[in-house]
PDB file of all heavy atoms in Angstrom:
ATOM      1  N   VAL A   1       0.060 -13.390  14.161  1.00  0.00           N
ATOM      2  CA  VAL A   1       1.288 -13.154  13.417  1.00  0.00           C
ATOM      3  C   VAL A   1       1.472 -14.239  12.357  1.00  0.00           C
ATOM      4  O   VAL A   1       1.008 -15.376  12.526  1.00  0.00           O
ATOM      5  CB  VAL A   1       2.519 -13.086  14.362  1.00  0.00           C
ATOM      6  CG1 VAL A   1       2.793 -14.449  15.015  1.00  0.00           C
ATOM      7  CG2 VAL A   1       3.771 -12.591  13.632  1.00  0.00           C
ATOM      8  N   GLY A   2       2.101 -13.857  11.253  1.00  0.00           N
ATOM      9  CA  GLY A   2       2.358 -14.811  10.176  1.00  0.00           C
ATOM     10  C   GLY A   2       2.739 -14.063   8.929  1.00  0.00           C
ATOM     11  O   GLY A   2       2.659 -12.835   8.878  1.00  0.00           O
ATOM     12  N   PRO A   3       3.165 -14.781   7.894  1.00  0.00           N
ATOM     13  CA  PRO A   3       3.555 -14.107   6.654  1.00  0.00           C
ATOM     14  C   PRO A   3       2.386 -13.521   5.931  1.00  0.00           C
ATOM     15  O   PRO A   3       1.199 -13.789   6.263  1.00  0.00           O
ATOM     16  CB  PRO A   3       4.197 -15.263   5.848  1.00  0.00           C
ATOM     17  CG  PRO A   3       3.552 -16.497   6.379  1.00  0.00           C
ATOM     18  CD  PRO A   3       3.280 -16.219   7.830  1.00  0.00           C
ATOM     19  N   SER A   4       2.649 -12.696   4.932  1.00  0.00           N
ATOM     20  CA  SER A   4       1.572 -12.089   4.130  1.00  0.00           C
ATOM     21  C   SER A   4       0.714 -13.184   3.527  1.00  0.00           C
ATOM     22  O   SER A   4       1.186 -14.195   3.026  1.00  0.00           O
ATOM     23  CB  SER A   4       2.177 -11.228   3.009  1.00  0.00           C
ATOM     24  OG  SER A   4       2.895 -10.164   3.556  1.00  0.00           O
ATOM     25  N   GLY A   5      -0.614 -12.941   3.568  1.00  0.00           N
ATOM     26  CA  GLY A   5      -1.537 -13.899   2.970  1.00  0.00           C
ATOM     27  C   GLY A   5      -1.914 -15.068   3.872  1.00  0.00           C
ATOM     28  O   GLY A   5      -2.588 -16.010   3.404  1.00  0.00           O
ATOM     29  N   CYS A   6      -1.544 -15.033   5.149  1.00  0.00           N
ATOM     30  CA  CYS A   6      -1.842 -16.166   6.037  1.00  0.00           C
ATOM     31  C   CYS A   6      -3.254 -16.117   6.639  1.00  0.00           C
ATOM     32  O   CYS A   6      -3.664 -17.082   7.254  1.00  0.00           O
ATOM     33  CB  CYS A   6      -0.795 -16.266   7.147  1.00  0.00           C
ATOM     34  SG  CYS A   6      -0.934 -14.948   8.399  1.00  0.00           S
ATOM     35  N   GLY A   7      -3.956 -14.985   6.461  1.00  0.00           N
ATOM     36  CA  GLY A   7      -5.317 -14.896   6.942  1.00  0.00           C
ATOM     37  C   GLY A   7      -5.485 -14.124   8.246  1.00  0.00           C
ATOM     38  O   GLY A   7      -6.597 -14.023   8.772  1.00  0.00           O
ATOM     39  N   LYS A   8      -4.425 -13.527   8.761  1.00  0.00           N
ATOM     40  CA  LYS A   8      -4.495 -12.855  10.071  1.00  0.00           C
ATOM     41  C   LYS A   8      -5.382 -11.583   9.998  1.00  0.00           C
ATOM     42  O   LYS A   8      -6.232 -11.398  10.892  1.00  0.00           O
ATOM     43  CB  LYS A   8      -3.079 -12.527  10.588  1.00  0.00           C
ATOM     44  CG  LYS A   8      -2.198 -11.718   9.656  1.00  0.00           C
ATOM     45  CD  LYS A   8      -0.783 -11.652  10.169  1.00  0.00           C
ATOM     46  CE  LYS A   8       0.101 -10.725   9.307  1.00  0.00           C
ATOM     47  NZ  LYS A   8       0.267 -11.236   7.930  1.00  0.00           N
ATOM     48  N   SER A   9      -5.183 -10.751   8.993  1.00  0.00           N
ATOM     49  CA  SER A   9      -6.021  -9.537   8.893  1.00  0.00           C
ATOM     50  C   SER A   9      -7.468  -9.870   8.562  1.00  0.00           C
ATOM     51  O   SER A   9      -8.383  -9.233   9.048  1.00  0.00           O
ATOM     52  CB  SER A   9      -5.439  -8.589   7.830  1.00  0.00           C
ATOM     53  OG  SER A   9      -4.233  -8.001   8.267  1.00  0.00           O
ATOM     54  N   THR A  10      -7.658 -10.911   7.756  1.00  0.00           N
ATOM     55  CA  THR A  10      -9.014 -11.346   7.436  1.00  0.00           C
ATOM     56  C   THR A  10      -9.749 -11.750   8.696  1.00  0.00           C
ATOM     57  O   THR A  10     -10.921 -11.437   8.912  1.00  0.00           O
ATOM     58  CB  THR A  10      -8.979 -12.514   6.422  1.00  0.00           C
ATOM     59  OG1 THR A  10      -8.324 -12.093   5.246  1.00  0.00           O
ATOM     60  CG2 THR A  10     -10.386 -12.969   6.063  1.00  0.00           C
ATOM     61  N   THR A  11      -9.063 -12.509   9.554  1.00  0.00           N
ATOM     62  CA  THR A  11      -9.651 -12.926  10.838  1.00  0.00           C
ATOM     63  C   THR A  11     -10.027 -11.746  11.694  1.00  0.00           C
ATOM     64  O   THR A  11     -11.102 -11.668  12.301  1.00  0.00           O
ATOM     65  CB  THR A  11      -8.699 -13.876  11.597  1.00  0.00           C
ATOM     66  OG1 THR A  11      -8.346 -14.989  10.748  1.00  0.00           O
ATOM     67  CG2 THR A  11      -9.338 -14.399  12.864  1.00  0.00           C
ATOM     68  N   LEU A  12      -9.100 -10.784  11.785  1.00  0.00           N
ATOM     69  CA  LEU A  12      -9.374  -9.572  12.585  1.00  0.00           C
ATOM     70  C   LEU A  12     -10.585  -8.843  12.021  1.00  0.00           C
ATOM     71  O   LEU A  12     -11.434  -8.363  12.782  1.00  0.00           O
ATOM     72  CB  LEU A  12      -8.147  -8.664  12.562  1.00  0.00           C
ATOM     73  CG  LEU A  12      -8.203  -7.484  13.525  1.00  0.00           C
ATOM     74  CD1 LEU A  12      -7.833  -7.943  14.948  1.00  0.00           C
ATOM     75  CD2 LEU A  12      -7.245  -6.374  13.115  1.00  0.00           C
ATOM     76  N   ARG A  13     -10.688  -8.743  10.683  1.00  0.00           N
ATOM     77  CA  ARG A  13     -11.776  -8.014  10.061  1.00  0.00           C
ATOM     78  C   ARG A  13     -13.099  -8.766  10.294  1.00  0.00           C
ATOM     79  O   ARG A  13     -14.166  -8.125  10.362  1.00  0.00           O
ATOM     80  CB  ARG A  13     -11.491  -7.804   8.588  1.00  0.00           C
ATOM     81  CG  ARG A  13     -10.366  -6.789   8.346  1.00  0.00           C
ATOM     82  CD  ARG A  13      -9.964  -6.749   6.875  1.00  0.00           C
ATOM     83  NE  ARG A  13     -11.019  -6.242   6.051  1.00  0.00           N
ATOM     84  CZ  ARG A  13     -11.295  -4.956   5.832  1.00  0.00           C
ATOM     85  NH1 ARG A  13     -10.553  -4.046   6.454  1.00  0.00           N
ATOM     86  NH2 ARG A  13     -12.274  -4.576   5.050  1.00  0.00           N
ATOM     87  N   MET A  14     -13.075 -10.090  10.424  1.00  0.00           N
ATOM     88  CA  MET A  14     -14.304 -10.822  10.723  1.00  0.00           C
ATOM     89  C   MET A  14     -14.750 -10.513  12.157  1.00  0.00           C
ATOM     90  O   MET A  14     -15.946 -10.421  12.409  1.00  0.00           O
ATOM     91  CB  MET A  14     -14.085 -12.330  10.504  1.00  0.00           C
ATOM     92  CG  MET A  14     -14.068 -12.713   9.041  1.00  0.00           C
ATOM     93  SD  MET A  14     -14.191 -14.499   8.759  1.00  0.00           S
ATOM     94  CE  MET A  14     -12.538 -15.057   9.234  1.00  0.00           C
ATOM     95  N   ILE A  15     -13.794 -10.353  13.096  1.00  0.00           N
ATOM     96  CA  ILE A  15     -14.147  -9.988  14.450  1.00  0.00           C
ATOM     97  C   ILE A  15     -14.770  -8.602  14.448  1.00  0.00           C
ATOM     98  O   ILE A  15     -15.785  -8.351  15.132  1.00  0.00           O
ATOM     99  CB  ILE A  15     -12.896  -9.995  15.366  1.00  0.00           C
ATOM    100  CG1 ILE A  15     -12.326 -11.390  15.502  1.00  0.00           C
ATOM    101  CG2 ILE A  15     -13.228  -9.439  16.755  1.00  0.00           C
ATOM    102  CD1 ILE A  15     -10.998 -11.481  16.208  1.00  0.00           C
ATOM    103  N   ALA A  16     -14.235  -7.703  13.628  1.00  0.00           N
ATOM    104  CA  ALA A  16     -14.693  -6.324  13.576  1.00  0.00           C
ATOM    105  C   ALA A  16     -16.026  -6.177  12.835  1.00  0.00           C
ATOM    106  O   ALA A  16     -16.766  -5.170  13.005  1.00  0.00           O
ATOM    107  CB  ALA A  16     -13.680  -5.455  12.896  1.00  0.00           C
ATOM    108  N   GLY A  17     -16.368  -7.172  11.983  1.00  0.00           N
ATOM    109  CA  GLY A  17     -17.577  -7.081  11.193  1.00  0.00           C
ATOM    110  C   GLY A  17     -17.345  -6.428   9.828  1.00  0.00           C
ATOM    111  O   GLY A  17     -18.311  -6.155   9.083  1.00  0.00           O
ATOM    112  N   LEU A  18     -16.068  -6.255   9.478  1.00  0.00           N
ATOM    113  CA  LEU A  18     -15.746  -5.654   8.167  1.00  0.00           C
ATOM    114  C   LEU A  18     -15.652  -6.728   7.083  1.00  0.00           C
ATOM    115  O   LEU A  18     -15.604  -6.405   5.916  1.00  0.00           O
ATOM    116  CB  LEU A  18     -14.418  -4.892   8.255  1.00  0.00           C
ATOM    117  CG  LEU A  18     -14.388  -3.772   9.283  1.00  0.00           C
ATOM    118  CD1 LEU A  18     -12.987  -3.162   9.384  1.00  0.00           C
ATOM    119  CD2 LEU A  18     -15.391  -2.659   8.929  1.00  0.00           C
ATOM    120  N   GLU A  19     -15.578  -7.995   7.479  1.00  0.00           N
ATOM    121  CA  GLU A  19     -15.630  -9.124   6.550  1.00  0.00           C
ATOM    122  C   GLU A  19     -16.768 -10.049   6.983  1.00  0.00           C
ATOM    123  O   GLU A  19     -16.909 -10.323   8.168  1.00  0.00           O
ATOM    124  CB  GLU A  19     -14.306  -9.918   6.563  1.00  0.00           C
ATOM    125  CG  GLU A  19     -13.148  -9.224   5.904  1.00  0.00           C
ATOM    126  CD  GLU A  19     -13.127  -9.418   4.367  1.00  0.00           C
ATOM    127  OE1 GLU A  19     -14.073 -10.052   3.819  1.00  0.00           O
ATOM    128  OE2 GLU A  19     -12.194  -8.884   3.750  1.00  0.00           O
ATOM    129  N   GLU A  20     -17.539 -10.510   6.005  1.00  0.00           N
ATOM    130  CA  GLU A  20     -18.610 -11.460   6.327  1.00  0.00           C
ATOM    131  C   GLU A  20     -18.025 -12.804   6.696  1.00  0.00           C
ATOM    132  O   GLU A  20     -17.052 -13.265   6.070  1.00  0.00           O
ATOM    133  CB  GLU A  20     -19.546 -11.594   5.112  1.00  0.00           C
ATOM    134  CG  GLU A  20     -20.767 -12.432   5.373  1.00  0.00           C
ATOM    135  CD  GLU A  20     -21.676 -12.527   4.195  1.00  0.00           C
ATOM    136  OE1 GLU A  20     -21.523 -11.681   3.257  1.00  0.00           O
ATOM    137  OE2 GLU A  20     -22.539 -13.416   4.145  1.00  0.00           O
ATOM    138  N   ILE A  21     -18.596 -13.452   7.691  1.00  0.00           N
ATOM    139  CA  ILE A  21     -18.141 -14.771   8.127  1.00  0.00           C
ATOM    140  C   ILE A  21     -18.820 -15.849   7.298  1.00  0.00           C
ATOM    141  O   ILE A  21     -20.050 -15.894   7.227  1.00  0.00           O
ATOM    142  CB  ILE A  21     -18.447 -14.976   9.632  1.00  0.00           C
ATOM    143  CG1 ILE A  21     -17.717 -13.946  10.470  1.00  0.00           C
ATOM    144  CG2 ILE A  21     -18.042 -16.372  10.078  1.00  0.00           C
ATOM    145  CD1 ILE A  21     -18.241 -13.831  11.913  1.00  0.00           C
ATOM    146  N   SER A  22     -18.043 -16.702   6.624  1.00  0.00           N
ATOM    147  CA  SER A  22     -18.641 -17.750   5.786  1.00  0.00           C
ATOM    148  C   SER A  22     -19.234 -18.875   6.633  1.00  0.00           C
ATOM    149  O   SER A  22     -20.232 -19.475   6.275  1.00  0.00           O
ATOM    150  CB  SER A  22     -17.574 -18.314   4.826  1.00  0.00           C
ATOM    151  OG  SER A  22     -17.001 -17.295   4.074  1.00  0.00           O
ATOM    152  N   ASP A  23     -18.597 -19.175   7.755  1.00  0.00           N
ATOM    153  CA  ASP A  23     -19.093 -20.252   8.615  1.00  0.00           C
ATOM    154  C   ASP A  23     -18.507 -20.048  10.012  1.00  0.00           C
ATOM    155  O   ASP A  23     -17.479 -19.408  10.181  1.00  0.00           O
ATOM    156  CB  ASP A  23     -18.667 -21.630   8.074  1.00  0.00           C
ATOM    157  CG  ASP A  23     -19.466 -22.769   8.637  1.00  0.00           C
ATOM    158  OD1 ASP A  23     -20.468 -22.495   9.328  1.00  0.00           O
ATOM    159  OD2 ASP A  23     -19.139 -23.946   8.402  1.00  0.00           O
ATOM    160  N   GLY A  24     -19.202 -20.623  11.041  1.00  0.00           N
ATOM    161  CA  GLY A  24     -18.720 -20.509  12.412  1.00  0.00           C
ATOM    162  C   GLY A  24     -19.346 -19.308  13.083  1.00  0.00           C
ATOM    163  O   GLY A  24     -20.210 -18.586  12.548  1.00  0.00           O
ATOM    164  N   THR A  25     -18.915 -19.039  14.326  1.00  0.00           N
ATOM    165  CA  THR A  25     -19.446 -17.947  15.108  1.00  0.00           C
ATOM    166  C   THR A  25     -18.331 -17.107  15.751  1.00  0.00           C
ATOM    167  O   THR A  25     -17.298 -17.639  16.123  1.00  0.00           O
ATOM    168  CB  THR A  25     -20.398 -18.455  16.233  1.00  0.00           C
ATOM    169  OG1 THR A  25     -19.654 -19.335  17.080  1.00  0.00           O
ATOM    170  CG2 THR A  25     -21.593 -19.154  15.665  1.00  0.00           C
TER     171      THR A  25
END
């Protein structure tokens, strides 16, 4: 949870594989 633009959906999409992960696992 957080305001718009905080990165929450981006994080979810990285878990899903819909966004490429720049670093980390």
